[in-house]
Amino acid sequence: MRLMLDSNVYDSLLADRDLLEQVKRAIHVGRLELLTTHVQQDELSRIVQPAKRDALQSLPITFVRVATSGAAWDVSKWDDAEWGDDSGRIEKMVGGNSKHIEDALISATADAKANVLVTNEKRLAGMVGRAGFGVEVWSVAQLAEWLRKSA
């Protein structure tokens, strides 16, 4: 199973050691692959509290870094982005509100490269559906349930 985590899920992993251990075990035995992009890492690097930022950036799990599926001015790192999202889905998800561009890039990448996008934001799940992305969206509770059942 290939999962993309929204940046806010890193907080859940840090707060719930049991969940973190289940994720680590699933990765270790090959049941789970966690994808990340520069966008999540950029969001984490902007956390103001140094201790929290460092803890989140050094979670003891292995992520596979992938290029974003799409690019946006002033957000994308051009060497870490793939061009050519002609579908307009990223623009549809952003809906003219540039505050949503990072979520749109994470979601588009999850849609192209993962089976599931995990987020704590109910709003994001709705935006993904309205934009026409086909990726499944799970809550952290759904991730925990999948880990429990697949162990």
N, C-alpha and C. Protein backbone atom coordinates (compact mmCIF):
# COMPACT_ATOMS: atom_id res chain seq x y z
N MET A 1 0.85 -1.17 0.00
CA MET A 1 0.00 0.00 0.00
C MET A 1 0.90 1.23 0.00
N ARG A 2 0.62 2.14 -0.90
CA ARG A 2 1.37 3.41 -0.97
C ARG A 2 0.48 4.52 -0.43
N LEU A 3 0.98 5.20 0.61
CA LEU A 3 0.23 6.28 1.24
C LEU A 3 1.00 7.58 1.15
N MET A 4 0.24 8.66 0.98
CA MET A 4 0.78 10.01 1.07
C MET A 4 0.16 10.62 2.32
N LEU A 5 1.00 11.17 3.18
CA LEU A 5 0.51 11.81 4.39
C LEU A 5 0.45 13.31 4.20
N ASP A 6 -0.69 13.90 4.56
CA ASP A 6 -0.77 15.35 4.65
C ASP A 6 0.14 15.76 5.81
N SER A 7 0.66 16.95 5.76
CA SER A 7 1.63 17.39 6.77
C SER A 7 1.10 17.30 8.19
N ASN A 8 -0.20 17.52 8.37
CA ASN A 8 -0.76 17.49 9.72
C ASN A 8 -0.76 16.10 10.33
N VAL A 9 -0.60 15.07 9.54
CA VAL A 9 -0.58 13.70 10.06
C VAL A 9 0.74 13.41 10.79
N TYR A 10 1.78 14.13 10.45
CA TYR A 10 3.06 13.95 11.15
C TYR A 10 2.86 14.22 12.64
N ASP A 11 2.03 15.22 12.97
CA ASP A 11 1.72 15.52 14.38
C ASP A 11 1.10 14.30 15.06
N SER A 12 0.21 13.63 14.36
CA SER A 12 -0.46 12.45 14.92
C SER A 12 0.55 11.34 15.18
N LEU A 13 1.49 11.16 14.29
CA LEU A 13 2.52 10.13 14.48
C LEU A 13 3.41 10.46 15.68
N LEU A 14 3.71 11.73 15.82
CA LEU A 14 4.54 12.16 16.95
C LEU A 14 3.79 11.99 18.28
N ALA A 15 2.50 12.25 18.26
CA ALA A 15 1.71 12.20 19.50
C ALA A 15 1.32 10.77 19.90
N ASP A 16 1.24 9.87 18.95
CA ASP A 16 0.75 8.52 19.22
C ASP A 16 1.86 7.50 18.93
N ARG A 17 2.61 7.15 19.95
CA ARG A 17 3.74 6.23 19.78
C ARG A 17 3.32 4.85 19.28
N ASP A 18 2.12 4.38 19.68
CA ASP A 18 1.64 3.09 19.18
C ASP A 18 1.41 3.14 17.68
N LEU A 19 0.79 4.21 17.22
CA LEU A 19 0.56 4.38 15.79
C LEU A 19 1.90 4.45 15.05
N LEU A 20 2.83 5.21 15.58
CA LEU A 20 4.15 5.33 14.97
C LEU A 20 4.81 3.95 14.86
N GLU A 21 4.74 3.15 15.92
CA GLU A 21 5.34 1.81 15.89
C GLU A 21 4.66 0.91 14.87
N GLN A 22 3.33 1.01 14.75
CA GLN A 22 2.61 0.21 13.76
C GLN A 22 3.02 0.60 12.35
N VAL A 23 3.19 1.90 12.11
CA VAL A 23 3.63 2.38 10.79
C VAL A 23 5.04 1.85 10.50
N LYS A 24 5.92 1.97 11.47
CA LYS A 24 7.30 1.48 11.28
C LYS A 24 7.32 -0.01 10.95
N ARG A 25 6.52 -0.81 11.66
CA ARG A 25 6.47 -2.25 11.40
C ARG A 25 5.93 -2.53 10.00
N ALA A 26 4.87 -1.82 9.61
CA ALA A 26 4.28 -2.05 8.28
C ALA A 26 5.28 -1.69 7.17
N ILE A 27 6.05 -0.65 7.38
CA ILE A 27 7.09 -0.30 6.41
C ILE A 27 8.16 -1.38 6.38
N HIS A 28 8.59 -1.79 7.55
CA HIS A 28 9.67 -2.78 7.66
C HIS A 28 9.34 -4.10 6.95
N VAL A 29 8.09 -4.55 7.06
CA VAL A 29 7.72 -5.82 6.43
C VAL A 29 7.22 -5.65 5.00
N GLY A 30 7.21 -4.42 4.50
CA GLY A 30 6.87 -4.18 3.10
C GLY A 30 5.39 -4.04 2.81
N ARG A 31 4.54 -3.89 3.83
CA ARG A 31 3.11 -3.70 3.60
C ARG A 31 2.77 -2.25 3.29
N LEU A 32 3.69 -1.35 3.63
CA LEU A 32 3.40 0.07 3.53
C LEU A 32 4.60 0.82 2.99
N GLU A 33 4.32 1.76 2.11
CA GLU A 33 5.32 2.69 1.61
C GLU A 33 4.73 4.09 1.79
N LEU A 34 5.46 4.95 2.52
CA LEU A 34 5.02 6.32 2.75
C LEU A 34 5.71 7.25 1.77
N LEU A 35 4.92 7.97 1.00
CA LEU A 35 5.46 8.92 0.04
C LEU A 35 5.43 10.32 0.66
N THR A 36 6.38 11.12 0.28
CA THR A 36 6.40 12.52 0.69
C THR A 36 6.96 13.35 -0.46
N THR A 37 6.69 14.64 -0.39
CA THR A 37 7.22 15.57 -1.38
C THR A 37 7.94 16.69 -0.65
N HIS A 38 8.55 17.56 -1.40
CA HIS A 38 9.19 18.72 -0.77
C HIS A 38 8.15 19.60 -0.08
N VAL A 39 6.89 19.53 -0.51
CA VAL A 39 5.86 20.39 0.06
C VAL A 39 5.67 20.09 1.55
N GLN A 40 5.53 18.81 1.90
CA GLN A 40 5.39 18.47 3.31
C GLN A 40 6.62 18.92 4.09
N GLN A 41 7.80 18.68 3.52
CA GLN A 41 9.03 19.07 4.21
C GLN A 41 9.12 20.58 4.37
N ASP A 42 8.70 21.32 3.36
CA ASP A 42 8.69 22.79 3.46
C ASP A 42 7.73 23.26 4.53
N GLU A 43 6.55 22.64 4.60
CA GLU A 43 5.58 23.01 5.63
C GLU A 43 6.14 22.75 7.02
N LEU A 44 6.77 21.60 7.20
CA LEU A 44 7.36 21.29 8.51
C LEU A 44 8.48 22.26 8.86
N SER A 45 9.25 22.67 7.88
CA SER A 45 10.38 23.57 8.16
C SER A 45 9.92 24.95 8.61
N ARG A 46 8.65 25.30 8.34
CA ARG A 46 8.12 26.60 8.74
C ARG A 46 7.51 26.61 10.16
N ILE A 47 7.53 25.47 10.84
CA ILE A 47 7.01 25.42 12.20
C ILE A 47 7.91 26.29 13.08
N VAL A 48 7.29 27.17 13.83
CA VAL A 48 8.03 28.17 14.60
C VAL A 48 8.75 27.57 15.80
N GLN A 49 8.12 26.64 16.50
CA GLN A 49 8.74 26.06 17.70
C GLN A 49 9.84 25.08 17.28
N PRO A 50 11.11 25.39 17.62
CA PRO A 50 12.23 24.55 17.18
C PRO A 50 12.13 23.09 17.64
N ALA A 51 11.72 22.84 18.87
CA ALA A 51 11.66 21.47 19.37
C ALA A 51 10.63 20.64 18.59
N LYS A 52 9.46 21.23 18.35
CA LYS A 52 8.43 20.53 17.60
C LYS A 52 8.86 20.31 16.15
N ARG A 53 9.42 21.35 15.54
CA ARG A 53 9.88 21.24 14.16
C ARG A 53 10.92 20.13 14.03
N ASP A 54 11.90 20.12 14.92
CA ASP A 54 12.95 19.10 14.86
C ASP A 54 12.38 17.70 15.08
N ALA A 55 11.45 17.55 16.01
CA ALA A 55 10.86 16.25 16.29
C ALA A 55 10.09 15.73 15.08
N LEU A 56 9.31 16.60 14.44
CA LEU A 56 8.53 16.19 13.28
C LEU A 56 9.42 15.86 12.09
N GLN A 57 10.48 16.63 11.91
CA GLN A 57 11.37 16.40 10.78
C GLN A 57 12.24 15.16 10.96
N SER A 58 12.34 14.67 12.19
CA SER A 58 13.20 13.52 12.42
C SER A 58 12.43 12.30 12.90
N LEU A 59 11.15 12.20 12.51
CA LEU A 59 10.39 11.00 12.85
C LEU A 59 11.16 9.77 12.35
N PRO A 60 11.24 8.74 13.17
CA PRO A 60 12.08 7.59 12.81
C PRO A 60 11.39 6.60 11.87
N ILE A 61 10.89 7.10 10.75
CA ILE A 61 10.31 6.24 9.74
C ILE A 61 10.87 6.62 8.38
N THR A 62 10.82 5.68 7.48
CA THR A 62 11.37 5.89 6.14
C THR A 62 10.29 6.39 5.20
N PHE A 63 10.57 7.51 4.58
CA PHE A 63 9.70 8.07 3.55
C PHE A 63 10.38 7.94 2.20
N VAL A 64 9.58 7.76 1.16
CA VAL A 64 10.08 7.77 -0.21
C VAL A 64 9.71 9.13 -0.77
N ARG A 65 10.72 9.92 -1.11
CA ARG A 65 10.46 11.26 -1.63
C ARG A 65 10.19 11.18 -3.12
N VAL A 66 9.10 11.81 -3.53
CA VAL A 66 8.69 11.83 -4.93
C VAL A 66 8.48 13.27 -5.38
N ALA A 67 8.58 13.48 -6.67
CA ALA A 67 8.30 14.80 -7.23
C ALA A 67 6.80 15.07 -7.20
N THR A 68 6.43 16.32 -7.04
CA THR A 68 5.01 16.66 -7.07
C THR A 68 4.46 16.47 -8.48
N SER A 69 3.22 16.08 -8.57
CA SER A 69 2.55 15.93 -9.86
C SER A 69 1.87 17.25 -10.18
N GLY A 70 2.64 18.13 -10.77
CA GLY A 70 2.20 19.49 -11.03
C GLY A 70 3.16 20.46 -10.37
N ALA A 71 3.05 21.70 -10.72
CA ALA A 71 3.95 22.72 -10.19
C ALA A 71 3.19 24.03 -10.03
N ALA A 72 3.69 24.86 -9.10
CA ALA A 72 3.06 26.16 -8.85
C ALA A 72 4.15 27.18 -8.55
N TRP A 73 4.02 28.36 -9.13
CA TRP A 73 4.98 29.43 -8.88
C TRP A 73 5.02 29.74 -7.40
N ASP A 74 6.20 30.04 -6.92
CA ASP A 74 6.47 30.44 -5.55
C ASP A 74 6.20 29.35 -4.51
N VAL A 75 5.92 28.14 -4.96
CA VAL A 75 5.73 27.02 -4.04
C VAL A 75 6.63 25.86 -4.45
N SER A 76 6.59 25.49 -5.71
CA SER A 76 7.30 24.31 -6.19
C SER A 76 8.80 24.53 -6.26
N LYS A 77 9.50 23.46 -5.96
CA LYS A 77 10.93 23.40 -6.24
C LYS A 77 11.02 22.70 -7.59
N TRP A 78 11.53 23.41 -8.55
CA TRP A 78 11.42 22.95 -9.94
C TRP A 78 12.08 21.61 -10.18
N ASP A 79 13.13 21.27 -9.45
CA ASP A 79 13.75 19.96 -9.62
C ASP A 79 12.97 18.87 -8.92
N ASP A 80 11.99 19.23 -8.10
CA ASP A 80 11.17 18.27 -7.37
C ASP A 80 9.71 18.31 -7.84
N ALA A 81 9.50 18.77 -9.07
CA ALA A 81 8.13 18.87 -9.59
C ALA A 81 8.08 18.30 -11.00
N GLU A 82 6.95 17.70 -11.31
CA GLU A 82 6.70 17.24 -12.67
C GLU A 82 5.72 18.20 -13.32
N TRP A 83 6.00 18.56 -14.54
CA TRP A 83 5.16 19.49 -15.27
C TRP A 83 4.09 18.73 -16.02
N GLY A 84 3.06 19.43 -16.41
CA GLY A 84 2.13 18.85 -17.35
C GLY A 84 0.79 18.43 -16.80
N ASP A 85 0.31 18.99 -15.70
CA ASP A 85 -1.05 18.71 -15.26
C ASP A 85 -2.00 19.58 -16.07
N ASP A 86 -2.35 19.08 -17.24
CA ASP A 86 -3.22 19.84 -18.13
C ASP A 86 -4.70 19.63 -17.80
N SER A 87 -4.97 18.81 -16.79
CA SER A 87 -6.37 18.50 -16.46
C SER A 87 -7.09 19.67 -15.81
N GLY A 88 -6.32 20.60 -15.22
CA GLY A 88 -6.93 21.72 -14.53
C GLY A 88 -7.42 21.38 -13.14
N ARG A 89 -7.14 20.15 -12.68
CA ARG A 89 -7.64 19.74 -11.36
C ARG A 89 -6.98 20.52 -10.23
N ILE A 90 -5.71 20.84 -10.37
CA ILE A 90 -5.03 21.61 -9.32
C ILE A 90 -5.67 22.99 -9.21
N GLU A 91 -5.88 23.63 -10.35
CA GLU A 91 -6.51 24.95 -10.34
C GLU A 91 -7.93 24.88 -9.78
N LYS A 92 -8.65 23.81 -10.12
CA LYS A 92 -10.01 23.64 -9.62
C LYS A 92 -9.99 23.48 -8.10
N MET A 93 -9.03 22.74 -7.59
CA MET A 93 -8.96 22.54 -6.14
C MET A 93 -8.59 23.84 -5.43
N VAL A 94 -7.69 24.61 -6.01
CA VAL A 94 -7.28 25.87 -5.41
C VAL A 94 -8.44 26.86 -5.45
N GLY A 95 -9.20 26.86 -6.52
CA GLY A 95 -10.38 27.71 -6.63
C GLY A 95 -10.08 29.19 -6.45
N GLY A 96 -8.92 29.63 -6.90
CA GLY A 96 -8.57 31.03 -6.79
C GLY A 96 -8.00 31.43 -5.43
N ASN A 97 -7.95 30.50 -4.49
CA ASN A 97 -7.41 30.79 -3.16
C ASN A 97 -6.02 30.18 -3.04
N SER A 98 -4.99 31.01 -3.15
CA SER A 98 -3.62 30.52 -3.17
C SER A 98 -3.22 29.82 -1.88
N LYS A 99 -4.02 29.97 -0.81
CA LYS A 99 -3.70 29.28 0.44
C LYS A 99 -3.86 27.76 0.30
N HIS A 100 -4.56 27.32 -0.75
CA HIS A 100 -4.81 25.89 -0.93
C HIS A 100 -3.81 25.22 -1.89
N ILE A 101 -2.85 25.95 -2.40
CA ILE A 101 -1.97 25.37 -3.42
C ILE A 101 -1.13 24.21 -2.88
N GLU A 102 -0.66 24.31 -1.66
CA GLU A 102 0.14 23.20 -1.12
C GLU A 102 -0.72 21.95 -0.97
N ASP A 103 -1.94 22.10 -0.46
CA ASP A 103 -2.84 20.96 -0.37
C ASP A 103 -3.13 20.39 -1.75
N ALA A 104 -3.30 21.25 -2.74
CA ALA A 104 -3.57 20.79 -4.10
C ALA A 104 -2.39 20.00 -4.66
N LEU A 105 -1.18 20.46 -4.43
CA LEU A 105 0.00 19.72 -4.93
C LEU A 105 0.14 18.38 -4.23
N ILE A 106 -0.06 18.35 -2.92
CA ILE A 106 0.00 17.08 -2.19
C ILE A 106 -1.08 16.13 -2.69
N SER A 107 -2.29 16.64 -2.88
CA SER A 107 -3.40 15.80 -3.33
C SER A 107 -3.19 15.29 -4.75
N ALA A 108 -2.72 16.15 -5.64
CA ALA A 108 -2.47 15.72 -7.02
C ALA A 108 -1.39 14.65 -7.06
N THR A 109 -0.38 14.80 -6.23
CA THR A 109 0.69 13.82 -6.18
C THR A 109 0.18 12.50 -5.61
N ALA A 110 -0.62 12.58 -4.56
CA ALA A 110 -1.22 11.36 -4.01
C ALA A 110 -2.08 10.67 -5.05
N ASP A 111 -2.85 11.46 -5.80
CA ASP A 111 -3.72 10.90 -6.83
C ASP A 111 -2.91 10.15 -7.89
N ALA A 112 -1.76 10.69 -8.24
CA ALA A 112 -0.94 10.08 -9.30
C ALA A 112 -0.06 8.94 -8.80
N LYS A 113 0.32 8.96 -7.53
CA LYS A 113 1.39 8.05 -7.09
C LYS A 113 1.06 7.18 -5.88
N ALA A 114 -0.07 7.42 -5.23
CA ALA A 114 -0.40 6.68 -4.01
C ALA A 114 -1.78 6.04 -4.13
N ASN A 115 -2.05 5.13 -3.22
CA ASN A 115 -3.38 4.54 -3.14
C ASN A 115 -4.30 5.38 -2.26
N VAL A 116 -3.69 6.03 -1.24
CA VAL A 116 -4.48 6.72 -0.23
C VAL A 116 -3.76 7.99 0.20
N LEU A 117 -4.54 9.04 0.44
CA LEU A 117 -4.06 10.27 1.07
C LEU A 117 -4.63 10.28 2.48
N VAL A 118 -3.76 10.43 3.49
CA VAL A 118 -4.20 10.46 4.88
C VAL A 118 -4.12 11.90 5.38
N THR A 119 -5.22 12.39 5.98
CA THR A 119 -5.25 13.75 6.48
C THR A 119 -6.14 13.85 7.71
N ASN A 120 -5.89 14.85 8.52
CA ASN A 120 -6.76 15.18 9.65
C ASN A 120 -7.80 16.21 9.27
N GLU A 121 -7.78 16.70 8.04
CA GLU A 121 -8.66 17.78 7.60
C GLU A 121 -9.86 17.24 6.82
N LYS A 122 -11.04 17.37 7.37
CA LYS A 122 -12.26 16.96 6.66
C LYS A 122 -12.46 17.81 5.41
N ARG A 123 -12.09 19.08 5.50
CA ARG A 123 -12.23 20.00 4.37
C ARG A 123 -11.45 19.49 3.16
N LEU A 124 -10.27 18.95 3.41
CA LEU A 124 -9.41 18.49 2.31
C LEU A 124 -10.05 17.32 1.56
N ALA A 125 -10.68 16.41 2.27
CA ALA A 125 -11.33 15.28 1.61
C ALA A 125 -12.41 15.78 0.64
N GLY A 126 -13.17 16.76 1.05
CA GLY A 126 -14.19 17.33 0.17
C GLY A 126 -13.58 18.01 -1.04
N MET A 127 -12.50 18.75 -0.82
CA MET A 127 -11.84 19.44 -1.92
C MET A 127 -11.29 18.44 -2.93
N VAL A 128 -10.73 17.34 -2.46
CA VAL A 128 -10.18 16.31 -3.34
C VAL A 128 -11.29 15.75 -4.23
N GLY A 129 -12.42 15.45 -3.63
CA GLY A 129 -13.54 14.91 -4.41
C GLY A 129 -14.08 15.91 -5.43
N ARG A 130 -14.25 17.16 -5.00
CA ARG A 130 -14.78 18.18 -5.92
C ARG A 130 -13.83 18.46 -7.07
N ALA A 131 -12.54 18.30 -6.85
CA ALA A 131 -11.56 18.56 -7.91
C ALA A 131 -11.47 17.40 -8.90
N GLY A 132 -12.08 16.28 -8.57
CA GLY A 132 -12.06 15.14 -9.49
C GLY A 132 -10.89 14.19 -9.29
N PHE A 133 -10.20 14.32 -8.18
CA PHE A 133 -9.14 13.36 -7.89
C PHE A 133 -9.77 12.04 -7.50
N GLY A 134 -9.14 10.95 -7.88
CA GLY A 134 -9.67 9.63 -7.57
C GLY A 134 -9.05 8.96 -6.36
N VAL A 135 -8.03 9.58 -5.79
CA VAL A 135 -7.34 8.95 -4.66
C VAL A 135 -8.29 8.85 -3.46
N GLU A 136 -8.20 7.73 -2.76
CA GLU A 136 -8.98 7.56 -1.54
C GLU A 136 -8.42 8.48 -0.46
N VAL A 137 -9.27 9.05 0.37
CA VAL A 137 -8.83 9.91 1.45
C VAL A 137 -9.25 9.27 2.77
N TRP A 138 -8.26 9.05 3.65
CA TRP A 138 -8.51 8.44 4.96
C TRP A 138 -8.19 9.43 6.06
N SER A 139 -8.84 9.23 7.18
CA SER A 139 -8.48 9.91 8.42
C SER A 139 -7.37 9.10 9.10
N VAL A 140 -6.79 9.67 10.13
CA VAL A 140 -5.77 8.93 10.89
C VAL A 140 -6.40 7.70 11.54
N ALA A 141 -7.65 7.81 11.98
CA ALA A 141 -8.34 6.66 12.56
C ALA A 141 -8.48 5.52 11.54
N GLN A 142 -8.78 5.87 10.30
CA GLN A 142 -8.88 4.85 9.25
C GLN A 142 -7.52 4.22 8.98
N LEU A 143 -6.47 5.01 9.01
CA LEU A 143 -5.13 4.46 8.85
C LEU A 143 -4.83 3.48 9.97
N ALA A 144 -5.13 3.87 11.21
CA ALA A 144 -4.88 2.99 12.36
C ALA A 144 -5.66 1.69 12.22
N GLU A 145 -6.90 1.78 11.76
CA GLU A 145 -7.72 0.58 11.57
C GLU A 145 -7.12 -0.33 10.49
N TRP A 146 -6.68 0.25 9.39
CA TRP A 146 -6.05 -0.54 8.33
C TRP A 146 -4.79 -1.22 8.85
N LEU A 147 -3.98 -0.49 9.60
CA LEU A 147 -2.77 -1.08 10.17
C LEU A 147 -3.11 -2.25 11.10
N ARG A 148 -4.14 -2.08 11.91
CA ARG A 148 -4.54 -3.14 12.83
C ARG A 148 -5.00 -4.37 12.07
N LYS A 149 -5.82 -4.16 11.05
CA LYS A 149 -6.35 -5.30 10.28
C LYS A 149 -5.29 -5.98 9.42
N SER A 150 -4.33 -5.23 8.95
CA SER A 150 -3.33 -5.80 8.02
C SER A 150 -2.12 -6.39 8.74
N ALA A 151 -2.08 -6.26 10.07
CA ALA A 151 -0.93 -6.78 10.83
C ALA A 151 -0.89 -8.29 10.83
